[in-house]
Amino acid sequence: MSIIYVLIPIAILFVIIAIGIFFWAVRSEQFSDLEKQGHSILFEDDKEQHKNANERD
């Protein structure tokens, strides 16, 4: 039963850290453009391939 007195403060500390990280991410605009990364994966390679192909010619 005494382990509860150790685990509860540790759990509260983890929650406070998680909330702090979440608010830091929101303030630093980590969630501002969620579609950008998905589109960059699809189209970034095409630009590099065309650029490399033009350099070879």
PDB file of N, CA and C in Angstrom:
ATOM      1  N   MET A   1       0.808  -1.197   0.000  1.00  0.00           N
ATOM      2  CA  MET A   1       0.000   0.000   0.000  1.00  0.00           C
ATOM      3  C   MET A   1       0.856   1.268   0.000  1.00  0.00           C
ATOM      4  N   SER A   2       2.019   1.188   0.569  1.00  0.00           N
ATOM      5  CA  SER A   2       2.866   2.382   0.634  1.00  0.00           C
ATOM      6  C   SER A   2       3.447   2.757  -0.730  1.00  0.00           C
ATOM      7  N   ILE A   3       3.435   1.812  -1.682  1.00  0.00           N
ATOM      8  CA  ILE A   3       3.923   2.118  -3.028  1.00  0.00           C
ATOM      9  C   ILE A   3       3.035   3.149  -3.714  1.00  0.00           C
ATOM     10  N   ILE A   4       1.770   3.216  -3.322  1.00  0.00           N
ATOM     11  CA  ILE A   4       0.845   4.215  -3.866  1.00  0.00           C
ATOM     12  C   ILE A   4       1.356   5.620  -3.590  1.00  0.00           C
ATOM     13  N   TYR A   5       1.953   5.819  -2.430  1.00  0.00           N
ATOM     14  CA  TYR A   5       2.474   7.143  -2.065  1.00  0.00           C
ATOM     15  C   TYR A   5       3.651   7.548  -2.949  1.00  0.00           C
ATOM     16  N   VAL A   6       4.259   6.611  -3.605  1.00  0.00           N
ATOM     17  CA  VAL A   6       5.350   6.901  -4.537  1.00  0.00           C
ATOM     18  C   VAL A   6       4.810   7.039  -5.954  1.00  0.00           C
ATOM     19  N   LEU A   7       3.891   6.167  -6.342  1.00  0.00           N
ATOM     20  CA  LEU A   7       3.401   6.144  -7.713  1.00  0.00           C
ATOM     21  C   LEU A   7       2.507   7.336  -8.056  1.00  0.00           C
ATOM     22  N   ILE A   8       1.712   7.802  -7.128  1.00  0.00           N
ATOM     23  CA  ILE A   8       0.822   8.934  -7.417  1.00  0.00           C
ATOM     24  C   ILE A   8       1.619  10.200  -7.732  1.00  0.00           C
ATOM     25  N   PRO A   9       2.623  10.593  -6.945  1.00  0.00           N
ATOM     26  CA  PRO A   9       3.408  11.776  -7.331  1.00  0.00           C
ATOM     27  C   PRO A   9       4.151  11.604  -8.653  1.00  0.00           C
ATOM     28  N   ILE A  10       4.623  10.401  -8.939  1.00  0.00           N
ATOM     29  CA  ILE A  10       5.294  10.153 -10.219  1.00  0.00           C
ATOM     30  C   ILE A  10       4.306  10.315 -11.363  1.00  0.00           C
ATOM     31  N   ALA A  11       3.092   9.797 -11.215  1.00  0.00           N
ATOM     32  CA  ALA A  11       2.069   9.936 -12.249  1.00  0.00           C
ATOM     33  C   ALA A  11       1.697  11.397 -12.443  1.00  0.00           C
ATOM     34  N   ILE A  12       1.567  12.136 -11.361  1.00  0.00           N
ATOM     35  CA  ILE A  12       1.244  13.563 -11.467  1.00  0.00           C
ATOM     36  C   ILE A  12       2.372  14.303 -12.171  1.00  0.00           C
ATOM     37  N   LEU A  13       3.605  13.968 -11.863  1.00  0.00           N
ATOM     38  CA  LEU A  13       4.752  14.592 -12.515  1.00  0.00           C
ATOM     39  C   LEU A  13       4.749  14.312 -14.019  1.00  0.00           C
ATOM     40  N   PHE A  14       4.458  13.071 -14.426  1.00  0.00           N
ATOM     41  CA  PHE A  14       4.381  12.730 -15.850  1.00  0.00           C
ATOM     42  C   PHE A  14       3.276  13.518 -16.551  1.00  0.00           C
ATOM     43  N   VAL A  15       2.144  13.676 -15.905  1.00  0.00           N
ATOM     44  CA  VAL A  15       1.035  14.432 -16.496  1.00  0.00           C
ATOM     45  C   VAL A  15       1.421  15.896 -16.666  1.00  0.00           C
ATOM     46  N   ILE A  16       2.064  16.473 -15.665  1.00  0.00           N
ATOM     47  CA  ILE A  16       2.490  17.870 -15.757  1.00  0.00           C
ATOM     48  C   ILE A  16       3.506  18.048 -16.884  1.00  0.00           C
ATOM     49  N   ILE A  17       4.436  17.121 -17.013  1.00  0.00           N
ATOM     50  CA  ILE A  17       5.427  17.193 -18.103  1.00  0.00           C
ATOM     51  C   ILE A  17       4.737  17.068 -19.457  1.00  0.00           C
ATOM     52  N   ALA A  18       3.789  16.137 -19.589  1.00  0.00           N
ATOM     53  CA  ALA A  18       3.081  15.953 -20.855  1.00  0.00           C
ATOM     54  C   ALA A  18       2.282  17.192 -21.227  1.00  0.00           C
ATOM     55  N   ILE A  19       1.624  17.800 -20.263  1.00  0.00           N
ATOM     56  CA  ILE A  19       0.862  19.022 -20.535  1.00  0.00           C
ATOM     57  C   ILE A  19       1.804  20.145 -20.938  1.00  0.00           C
ATOM     58  N   GLY A  20       2.942  20.244 -20.278  1.00  0.00           N
ATOM     59  CA  GLY A  20       3.923  21.263 -20.626  1.00  0.00           C
ATOM     60  C   GLY A  20       4.449  21.094 -22.036  1.00  0.00           C
ATOM     61  N   ILE A  21       4.743  19.861 -22.430  1.00  0.00           N
ATOM     62  CA  ILE A  21       5.219  19.597 -23.793  1.00  0.00           C
ATOM     63  C   ILE A  21       4.134  19.912 -24.811  1.00  0.00           C
ATOM     64  N   PHE A  22       2.887  19.577 -24.492  1.00  0.00           N
ATOM     65  CA  PHE A  22       1.791  19.877 -25.404  1.00  0.00           C
ATOM     66  C   PHE A  22       1.649  21.383 -25.625  1.00  0.00           C
ATOM     67  N   PHE A  23       1.643  22.166 -24.532  1.00  0.00           N
ATOM     68  CA  PHE A  23       1.499  23.603 -24.682  1.00  0.00           C
ATOM     69  C   PHE A  23       2.702  24.228 -25.381  1.00  0.00           C
ATOM     70  N   TRP A  24       3.895  23.679 -25.166  1.00  0.00           N
ATOM     71  CA  TRP A  24       5.078  24.161 -25.885  1.00  0.00           C
ATOM     72  C   TRP A  24       4.897  23.921 -27.392  1.00  0.00           C
ATOM     73  N   ALA A  25       4.406  22.743 -27.757  1.00  0.00           N
ATOM     74  CA  ALA A  25       4.207  22.431 -29.169  1.00  0.00           C
ATOM     75  C   ALA A  25       3.155  23.341 -29.802  1.00  0.00           C
ATOM     76  N   VAL A  26       2.108  23.638 -29.076  1.00  0.00           N
ATOM     77  CA  VAL A  26       1.072  24.529 -29.602  1.00  0.00           C
ATOM     78  C   VAL A  26       1.626  25.939 -29.768  1.00  0.00           C
ATOM     79  N   ARG A  27       2.371  26.435 -28.783  1.00  0.00           N
ATOM     80  CA  ARG A  27       2.917  27.794 -28.863  1.00  0.00           C
ATOM     81  C   ARG A  27       3.968  27.922 -29.958  1.00  0.00           C
ATOM     82  N   SER A  28       4.718  26.860 -30.225  1.00  0.00           N
ATOM     83  CA  SER A  28       5.744  26.936 -31.274  1.00  0.00           C
ATOM     84  C   SER A  28       5.198  26.536 -32.639  1.00  0.00           C
ATOM     85  N   GLU A  29       3.869  26.455 -32.761  1.00  0.00           N
ATOM     86  CA  GLU A  29       3.150  26.210 -34.010  1.00  0.00           C
ATOM     87  C   GLU A  29       3.532  24.891 -34.691  1.00  0.00           C
ATOM     88  N   GLN A  30       3.712  23.859 -33.895  1.00  0.00           N
ATOM     89  CA  GLN A  30       4.002  22.542 -34.445  1.00  0.00           C
ATOM     90  C   GLN A  30       2.794  21.953 -35.167  1.00  0.00           C
ATOM     91  N   PHE A  31       1.603  22.386 -34.803  1.00  0.00           N
ATOM     92  CA  PHE A  31       0.377  21.838 -35.373  1.00  0.00           C
ATOM     93  C   PHE A  31      -0.271  22.791 -36.366  1.00  0.00           C
ATOM     94  N   SER A  32       0.439  23.802 -36.834  1.00  0.00           N
ATOM     95  CA  SER A  32      -0.176  24.820 -37.670  1.00  0.00           C
ATOM     96  C   SER A  32      -0.540  24.307 -39.068  1.00  0.00           C
ATOM     97  N   ASP A  33       0.286  23.470 -39.662  1.00  0.00           N
ATOM     98  CA  ASP A  33       0.009  22.979 -41.008  1.00  0.00           C
ATOM     99  C   ASP A  33       0.233  21.475 -41.044  1.00  0.00           C
ATOM    100  N   LEU A  34      -0.821  20.727 -40.810  1.00  0.00           N
ATOM    101  CA  LEU A  34      -0.700  19.278 -40.733  1.00  0.00           C
ATOM    102  C   LEU A  34      -0.621  18.622 -42.109  1.00  0.00           C
ATOM    103  N   GLU A  35      -1.039  19.305 -43.159  1.00  0.00           N
ATOM    104  CA  GLU A  35      -1.049  18.730 -44.498  1.00  0.00           C
ATOM    105  C   GLU A  35       0.295  18.887 -45.210  1.00  0.00           C
ATOM    106  N   LYS A  36       1.118  19.822 -44.784  1.00  0.00           N
ATOM    107  CA  LYS A  36       2.367  20.134 -45.476  1.00  0.00           C
ATOM    108  C   LYS A  36       3.294  18.924 -45.560  1.00  0.00           C
ATOM    109  N   GLN A  37       3.473  18.234 -44.455  1.00  0.00           N
ATOM    110  CA  GLN A  37       4.395  17.107 -44.441  1.00  0.00           C
ATOM    111  C   GLN A  37       3.902  15.965 -45.324  1.00  0.00           C
ATOM    112  N   GLY A  38       2.602  15.755 -45.352  1.00  0.00           N
ATOM    113  CA  GLY A  38       2.060  14.710 -46.215  1.00  0.00           C
ATOM    114  C   GLY A  38       2.272  15.012 -47.685  1.00  0.00           C
ATOM    115  N   HIS A  39       2.122  16.258 -48.063  1.00  0.00           N
ATOM    116  CA  HIS A  39       2.315  16.642 -49.457  1.00  0.00           C
ATOM    117  C   HIS A  39       3.795  16.671 -49.830  1.00  0.00           C
ATOM    118  N   SER A  40       4.646  17.065 -48.897  1.00  0.00           N
ATOM    119  CA  SER A  40       6.073  17.138 -49.211  1.00  0.00           C
ATOM    120  C   SER A  40       6.649  15.747 -49.463  1.00  0.00           C
ATOM    121  N   ILE A  41       6.103  14.743 -48.815  1.00  0.00           N
ATOM    122  CA  ILE A  41       6.570  13.379 -49.057  1.00  0.00           C
ATOM    123  C   ILE A  41       6.240  12.962 -50.488  1.00  0.00           C
ATOM    124  N   LEU A  42       5.075  13.353 -50.975  1.00  0.00           N
ATOM    125  CA  LEU A  42       4.644  12.939 -52.304  1.00  0.00           C
ATOM    126  C   LEU A  42       5.351  13.686 -53.422  1.00  0.00           C
ATOM    127  N   PHE A  43       5.637  14.965 -53.237  1.00  0.00           N
ATOM    128  CA  PHE A  43       6.102  15.787 -54.342  1.00  0.00           C
ATOM    129  C   PHE A  43       7.563  16.203 -54.269  1.00  0.00           C
ATOM    130  N   GLU A  44       8.231  16.017 -53.158  1.00  0.00           N
ATOM    131  CA  GLU A  44       9.601  16.473 -53.024  1.00  0.00           C
ATOM    132  C   GLU A  44      10.552  15.665 -53.900  1.00  0.00           C
ATOM    133  N   ASP A  45      10.365  14.367 -53.985  1.00  0.00           N
ATOM    134  CA  ASP A  45      11.245  13.528 -54.785  1.00  0.00           C
ATOM    135  C   ASP A  45      11.148  13.858 -56.266  1.00  0.00           C
ATOM    136  N   ASP A  46       9.954  14.225 -56.732  1.00  0.00           N
ATOM    137  CA  ASP A  46       9.781  14.559 -58.137  1.00  0.00           C
ATOM    138  C   ASP A  46      10.657  15.751 -58.527  1.00  0.00           C
ATOM    139  N   LYS A  47      10.717  16.756 -57.672  1.00  0.00           N
ATOM    140  CA  LYS A  47      11.529  17.932 -57.963  1.00  0.00           C
ATOM    141  C   LYS A  47      13.007  17.571 -58.019  1.00  0.00           C
ATOM    142  N   GLU A  48      13.464  16.736 -57.098  1.00  0.00           N
ATOM    143  CA  GLU A  48      14.868  16.346 -57.070  1.00  0.00           C
ATOM    144  C   GLU A  48      15.225  15.479 -58.284  1.00  0.00           C
ATOM    145  N   GLN A  49      14.324  14.609 -58.694  1.00  0.00           N
ATOM    146  CA  GLN A  49      14.591  13.763 -59.848  1.00  0.00           C
ATOM    147  C   GLN A  49      14.672  14.596 -61.122  1.00  0.00           C
ATOM    148  N   HIS A  50      13.793  15.572 -61.279  1.00  0.00           N
ATOM    149  CA  HIS A  50      13.841  16.430 -62.460  1.00  0.00           C
ATOM    150  C   HIS A  50      15.098  17.279 -62.464  1.00  0.00           C
ATOM    151  N   LYS A  51      15.494  17.741 -61.304  1.00  0.00           N
ATOM    152  CA  LYS A  51      16.699  18.556 -61.200  1.00  0.00           C
ATOM    153  C   LYS A  51      17.929  17.727 -61.558  1.00  0.00           C
ATOM    154  N   ASN A  52      17.996  16.496 -61.052  1.00  0.00           N
ATOM    155  CA  ASN A  52      19.132  15.611 -61.360  1.00  0.00           C
ATOM    156  C   ASN A  52      19.134  15.216 -62.839  1.00  0.00           C
ATOM    157  N   ALA A  53      17.967  15.010 -63.416  1.00  0.00           N
ATOM    158  CA  ALA A  53      17.884  14.637 -64.818  1.00  0.00           C
ATOM    159  C   ALA A  53      18.354  15.799 -65.692  1.00  0.00           C
ATOM    160  N   ASN A  54      18.004  17.022 -65.309  1.00  0.00           N
ATOM    161  CA  ASN A  54      18.443  18.193 -66.093  1.00  0.00           C
ATOM    162  C   ASN A  54      19.939  18.409 -65.981  1.00  0.00           C
ATOM    163  N   GLU A  55      20.532  18.085 -64.860  1.00  0.00           N
ATOM    164  CA  GLU A  55      21.972  18.247 -64.691  1.00  0.00           C
ATOM    165  C   GLU A  55      22.742  17.233 -65.517  1.00  0.00           C
ATOM    166  N   ARG A  56      22.185  16.063 -65.700  1.00  0.00           N
ATOM    167  CA  ARG A  56      22.863  15.000 -66.465  1.00  0.00           C
ATOM    168  C   ARG A  56      22.889  15.313 -67.967  1.00  0.00           C
ATOM    169  N   ASP A  57      21.877  16.071 -68.431  1.00  0.00           N
ATOM    170  CA  ASP A  57      21.779  16.355 -69.875  1.00  0.00           C
ATOM    171  C   ASP A  57      22.816  17.318 -70.348  1.00  0.00           C
TER     172      ASP A  57
END
